[in-house]
N, C-alpha and C. Protein backbone atom coordinates (compact mmCIF):
# COMPACT_ATOMS: atom_id res chain seq x y z
N MET A 1 7.07 42.81 29.45
CA MET A 1 6.52 41.53 29.87
C MET A 1 6.60 40.57 28.68
N THR A 2 7.00 39.37 28.96
CA THR A 2 7.06 38.36 27.92
C THR A 2 5.70 37.68 27.78
N LYS A 3 5.56 36.93 26.72
CA LYS A 3 4.32 36.19 26.50
C LYS A 3 4.07 35.20 27.63
N ALA A 4 5.13 34.53 28.08
CA ALA A 4 4.99 33.56 29.17
C ALA A 4 4.57 34.25 30.47
N GLU A 5 5.16 35.40 30.76
CA GLU A 5 4.79 36.15 31.97
C GLU A 5 3.33 36.62 31.88
N PHE A 6 2.95 37.09 30.70
CA PHE A 6 1.57 37.54 30.47
C PHE A 6 0.59 36.40 30.73
N LYS A 7 0.91 35.23 30.19
CA LYS A 7 0.05 34.06 30.38
C LYS A 7 -0.03 33.69 31.85
N GLU A 8 1.09 33.77 32.56
CA GLU A 8 1.11 33.42 33.98
C GLU A 8 0.24 34.37 34.80
N VAL A 9 0.33 35.67 34.51
CA VAL A 9 -0.49 36.66 35.21
C VAL A 9 -1.97 36.36 35.00
N LEU A 10 -2.34 36.09 33.75
CA LEU A 10 -3.74 35.80 33.46
C LEU A 10 -4.19 34.48 34.09
N THR A 11 -3.33 33.47 34.04
CA THR A 11 -3.67 32.17 34.62
C THR A 11 -3.91 32.30 36.12
N ASN A 12 -3.09 33.09 36.78
CA ASN A 12 -3.27 33.31 38.22
C ASN A 12 -4.57 34.06 38.51
N ALA A 13 -4.96 34.94 37.60
CA ALA A 13 -6.15 35.77 37.83
C ALA A 13 -7.45 35.05 37.46
N ILE A 14 -7.46 34.34 36.33
CA ILE A 14 -8.73 33.81 35.84
C ILE A 14 -8.67 32.35 35.37
N GLY A 15 -7.56 31.70 35.55
CA GLY A 15 -7.43 30.31 35.09
C GLY A 15 -8.24 29.35 35.94
N GLY A 16 -8.46 28.17 35.39
CA GLY A 16 -9.13 27.13 36.16
C GLY A 16 -10.58 26.88 35.79
N THR A 17 -11.16 27.76 34.98
CA THR A 17 -12.51 27.52 34.48
C THR A 17 -12.43 27.42 32.96
N ALA A 18 -13.40 26.80 32.38
CA ALA A 18 -13.41 26.65 30.92
C ALA A 18 -13.40 28.02 30.24
N TYR A 19 -14.24 28.93 30.72
CA TYR A 19 -14.30 30.24 30.08
C TYR A 19 -13.03 31.05 30.35
N GLY A 20 -12.51 30.99 31.56
CA GLY A 20 -11.27 31.69 31.88
C GLY A 20 -10.13 31.20 31.01
N ASP A 21 -10.05 29.89 30.83
CA ASP A 21 -8.99 29.33 29.99
C ASP A 21 -9.18 29.73 28.53
N GLU A 22 -10.42 29.85 28.09
CA GLU A 22 -10.70 30.31 26.73
C GLU A 22 -10.22 31.74 26.53
N VAL A 23 -10.49 32.59 27.51
CA VAL A 23 -10.07 33.99 27.44
C VAL A 23 -8.54 34.07 27.43
N ILE A 24 -7.90 33.30 28.28
CA ILE A 24 -6.43 33.29 28.32
C ILE A 24 -5.87 32.88 26.97
N ALA A 25 -6.39 31.81 26.40
CA ALA A 25 -5.89 31.33 25.10
C ALA A 25 -6.03 32.41 24.04
N ASP A 26 -7.15 33.11 24.02
CA ASP A 26 -7.38 34.17 23.05
C ASP A 26 -6.38 35.31 23.23
N LEU A 27 -6.19 35.75 24.46
CA LEU A 27 -5.30 36.87 24.71
C LEU A 27 -3.85 36.52 24.44
N VAL A 28 -3.44 35.32 24.80
CA VAL A 28 -2.06 34.89 24.55
C VAL A 28 -1.83 34.76 23.05
N GLU A 29 -2.82 34.25 22.33
CA GLU A 29 -2.70 34.12 20.88
C GLU A 29 -2.49 35.47 20.21
N HIS A 30 -3.11 36.51 20.74
CA HIS A 30 -3.01 37.84 20.16
C HIS A 30 -2.02 38.74 20.91
N PHE A 31 -1.12 38.13 21.68
CA PHE A 31 -0.11 38.88 22.42
C PHE A 31 0.76 39.66 21.44
N ASP A 32 0.94 40.93 21.72
CA ASP A 32 1.72 41.82 20.85
C ASP A 32 3.11 42.01 21.44
N GLU A 33 4.10 41.42 20.81
CA GLU A 33 5.48 41.47 21.30
C GLU A 33 6.06 42.89 21.31
N THR A 34 5.43 43.83 20.61
CA THR A 34 5.99 45.18 20.50
C THR A 34 5.73 46.04 21.73
N GLY A 35 5.08 45.49 22.71
CA GLY A 35 4.82 46.26 23.93
C GLY A 35 3.40 46.79 24.03
N LYS A 36 2.59 46.53 23.02
CA LYS A 36 1.21 47.00 23.05
C LYS A 36 0.26 45.91 23.54
N TYR A 37 0.82 44.88 24.16
CA TYR A 37 0.02 43.73 24.59
C TYR A 37 -1.12 44.14 25.53
N ALA A 38 -0.84 45.07 26.42
CA ALA A 38 -1.87 45.46 27.39
C ALA A 38 -3.04 46.15 26.70
N GLN A 39 -2.75 47.04 25.76
CA GLN A 39 -3.83 47.74 25.06
C GLN A 39 -4.61 46.77 24.17
N THR A 40 -3.90 45.90 23.49
CA THR A 40 -4.56 44.90 22.64
C THR A 40 -5.47 44.01 23.50
N ALA A 41 -4.96 43.55 24.63
CA ALA A 41 -5.74 42.70 25.52
C ALA A 41 -6.94 43.46 26.07
N LYS A 42 -6.73 44.71 26.47
CA LYS A 42 -7.82 45.52 27.01
C LYS A 42 -8.92 45.70 25.97
N ASP A 43 -8.52 45.99 24.74
CA ASP A 43 -9.51 46.16 23.68
C ASP A 43 -10.32 44.88 23.46
N ARG A 44 -9.65 43.74 23.44
CA ARG A 44 -10.33 42.47 23.23
C ARG A 44 -11.26 42.16 24.40
N LEU A 45 -10.81 42.45 25.62
CA LEU A 45 -11.63 42.19 26.80
C LEU A 45 -12.84 43.13 26.86
N ASP A 46 -12.63 44.39 26.51
CA ASP A 46 -13.75 45.34 26.49
C ASP A 46 -14.83 44.88 25.51
N GLU A 47 -14.40 44.37 24.37
CA GLU A 47 -15.35 43.87 23.37
C GLU A 47 -16.12 42.66 23.91
N ARG A 48 -15.39 41.74 24.53
CA ARG A 48 -16.04 40.56 25.13
C ARG A 48 -17.05 40.98 26.19
N LYS A 49 -16.63 41.90 27.05
CA LYS A 49 -17.49 42.33 28.15
C LYS A 49 -18.79 42.94 27.63
N GLY A 50 -18.69 43.79 26.62
CA GLY A 50 -19.89 44.40 26.05
C GLY A 50 -20.83 43.37 25.46
N THR A 51 -20.28 42.41 24.77
CA THR A 51 -21.09 41.35 24.18
C THR A 51 -21.79 40.53 25.26
N LEU A 52 -21.03 40.15 26.28
CA LEU A 52 -21.59 39.35 27.37
C LEU A 52 -22.68 40.10 28.12
N GLU A 53 -22.45 41.38 28.37
CA GLU A 53 -23.46 42.18 29.06
C GLU A 53 -24.74 42.28 28.22
N GLY A 54 -24.57 42.40 26.92
CA GLY A 54 -25.73 42.43 26.04
C GLY A 54 -26.53 41.14 26.10
N TRP A 55 -25.83 40.01 26.08
CA TRP A 55 -26.52 38.72 26.17
C TRP A 55 -27.18 38.55 27.53
N ALA A 56 -26.53 39.00 28.58
CA ALA A 56 -27.11 38.89 29.92
C ALA A 56 -28.42 39.68 29.99
N LYS A 57 -28.43 40.88 29.44
CA LYS A 57 -29.65 41.69 29.43
C LYS A 57 -30.75 41.03 28.60
N LYS A 58 -30.36 40.47 27.46
CA LYS A 58 -31.34 39.81 26.59
C LYS A 58 -31.98 38.62 27.31
N HIS A 59 -31.14 37.79 27.93
CA HIS A 59 -31.67 36.63 28.65
C HIS A 59 -32.55 37.06 29.81
N ALA A 60 -32.15 38.10 30.52
CA ALA A 60 -32.95 38.59 31.65
C ALA A 60 -34.30 39.10 31.16
N ALA A 61 -34.29 39.83 30.04
CA ALA A 61 -35.54 40.37 29.49
C ALA A 61 -36.47 39.25 29.04
N GLU A 62 -35.89 38.14 28.62
CA GLU A 62 -36.69 36.99 28.19
C GLU A 62 -37.12 36.11 29.36
N GLY A 63 -36.69 36.48 30.57
CA GLY A 63 -37.08 35.73 31.76
C GLY A 63 -36.23 34.50 32.03
N ASP A 64 -35.10 34.38 31.37
CA ASP A 64 -34.21 33.23 31.57
C ASP A 64 -33.08 33.63 32.52
N ALA A 65 -33.38 33.57 33.80
CA ALA A 65 -32.43 34.00 34.83
C ALA A 65 -31.17 33.15 34.86
N ALA A 66 -31.28 31.88 34.57
CA ALA A 66 -30.12 30.99 34.61
C ALA A 66 -29.10 31.37 33.54
N LYS A 67 -29.58 31.63 32.33
CA LYS A 67 -28.67 32.03 31.25
C LYS A 67 -28.10 33.41 31.52
N ALA A 68 -28.90 34.30 32.07
CA ALA A 68 -28.42 35.64 32.40
C ALA A 68 -27.31 35.55 33.45
N ALA A 69 -27.50 34.71 34.45
CA ALA A 69 -26.49 34.54 35.49
C ALA A 69 -25.20 33.94 34.92
N GLU A 70 -25.35 33.04 33.97
CA GLU A 70 -24.18 32.44 33.33
C GLU A 70 -23.36 33.50 32.59
N GLU A 71 -24.05 34.38 31.88
CA GLU A 71 -23.35 35.45 31.17
C GLU A 71 -22.72 36.44 32.15
N GLU A 72 -23.40 36.72 33.25
CA GLU A 72 -22.87 37.63 34.26
C GLU A 72 -21.62 37.04 34.93
N ALA A 73 -21.58 35.73 35.08
CA ALA A 73 -20.39 35.08 35.64
C ALA A 73 -19.21 35.24 34.68
N LYS A 74 -19.49 35.18 33.39
CA LYS A 74 -18.43 35.39 32.40
C LYS A 74 -17.95 36.84 32.43
N VAL A 75 -18.86 37.78 32.64
CA VAL A 75 -18.49 39.19 32.76
C VAL A 75 -17.52 39.36 33.93
N ALA A 76 -17.79 38.69 35.03
CA ALA A 76 -16.92 38.79 36.21
C ALA A 76 -15.51 38.27 35.89
N ILE A 77 -15.42 37.22 35.10
CA ILE A 77 -14.11 36.69 34.70
C ILE A 77 -13.38 37.72 33.85
N VAL A 78 -14.08 38.32 32.91
CA VAL A 78 -13.47 39.33 32.05
C VAL A 78 -13.00 40.53 32.89
N GLU A 79 -13.79 40.92 33.88
CA GLU A 79 -13.40 42.05 34.73
C GLU A 79 -12.14 41.70 35.55
N LYS A 80 -12.01 40.46 36.00
CA LYS A 80 -10.80 40.03 36.70
C LYS A 80 -9.59 40.09 35.77
N ALA A 81 -9.79 39.69 34.53
CA ALA A 81 -8.69 39.74 33.55
C ALA A 81 -8.28 41.18 33.29
N LEU A 82 -9.26 42.06 33.17
CA LEU A 82 -8.95 43.48 32.97
C LEU A 82 -8.14 44.04 34.13
N ALA A 83 -8.54 43.70 35.34
CA ALA A 83 -7.81 44.16 36.53
C ALA A 83 -6.39 43.61 36.56
N ALA A 84 -6.20 42.42 36.08
CA ALA A 84 -4.88 41.78 36.12
C ALA A 84 -3.89 42.41 35.15
N ILE A 85 -4.39 42.97 34.05
CA ILE A 85 -3.45 43.50 33.06
C ILE A 85 -3.23 45.00 33.18
N LYS A 86 -3.92 45.65 34.07
CA LYS A 86 -3.74 47.11 34.22
C LYS A 86 -2.47 47.46 34.92
């Protein structure tokens, strides 16, 4: 897969939102031309997902449902990106 194809797959899966576009830009920037792009992207997405889930739990524990929901929406975007690159 080329960098352009990789970007297209991600854009179709998660493009159109500010956070989705941020994730796409990050993954395309770190695209590995040697064929390890999927593993590199998966590792970066797994790290993002863990961080977001942690913030969602923290906000929920503090009683801030709106912020928790915002983080959970970002988790959903990351999960869509993970599904797109598998």
